[in-house]
Amino acid sequence: MWCAKTTHFFQKQNVNSSHPIIFSLPNLNTMNQLQGTGVALVTPFHDDYSIDFDGLKRLIDHVINGGADYLVALGTTGETVTLSSSEKKQVLKACLEYNAGRIPVVYGMGGNNTMSVLSEIASTDFTAITAILSVSPYYNKPTQAGIIAHYKAIADACPVPVILYNIPGRTMSNITAETTLSLAEHSNIIGMKEASGNLEQCMQIAAKMPKDFLLISGDDLMTKALYSIGGSGIISVMANALPATFKALCHGNEAESLKAAFSLLPLNNLMYEESNPVGIKNLLCHMGICDDQVRLPMLRASLGLNQKIKAEFQKLK
């Protein structure tokens, strides 16, 4: 482990110890609840690869106190693919308990076996879960018609709303704008996390999407651009460490929002240099929130990456 955790630095990102959504949450519809910053939570691990639940609690308190609007548990950044079914249930249970109803929780639930996803839906207790985030089927590369059938089956079966997730860099399959707009007509599909990096495609969605459909950035640096075309926020990696920055980006005035967006530039590429969540976990380690351990086949940040992240971290102090 190259990083040396800095105790309590994360308290400097604490800008909102009593989140305004807490007391009015039951009166808001789902679309209103999921505006702004959703944090794609990492899953902290100990050196022996076991789950660090104390670290997870510190992280959740940190992002809520920093102004996050909702949590996203067990997405890509949470290293879900390396967690057992039992561990996933433990992490979800811990997230809901630690959150204690303070802000909405979105649960990552998807895969490339539609029947398996439907089985998981049937066996899940959705109490306190606001919506699910469901990644497009990966590896088997279905047609657009197959993607539509897959998501309609999930939306028909799921007792909470569904957010689509397009990330072609990982799935090797793009959800086209036409497909997104077709799925947006389903009453239980409420949004799209768009991580294609294709602004034109996002504009095609924004131009024709229903008024109550959420177009959510899946790329931290695209957040401002998506807001300009009618987007509703971000499901963010870097907000694990910098929730107050994303609060300014999503809810500040124009000057505050631009300043926050530009401040992300030095760190952004470092977060992905050795794949996600290696970079963000290393940054969180420097901040004293959790260790930077990841599960194989990923490895902790190299000495070189650690030094670059540490240098940028020092500028944040």
Foldseek 3Di string as FASTA:
>chain_A
DQAAADPPLLCVLQDAQQAPCQPCVVVDALLVLPFFEEEADAFFADPVRHTDLQLVLLLLSSLVRNHGSEYEYQDVLNVNVPDDPVRSVVRVVSNCVSCVRRGAYEYEQEEQDLVVSLVVQVPDDCVRHAEYEYEQYADVADDLVVSLVSVVSNQVRHPHAYEYEAACVGRVYGNALVSVQVSLVDPRHAEYADAPPDVVRLLSNLVDHDPRHAYEYAALLCFLVSVVSPHRYYHDHLSSRNSNLSCQLRPNPPVSNVVSSVLCVQQRCLCCVQHHPQRNLLLCRHNNSHHSADDPPGGHDDNVSSVSSVVSSVVVD
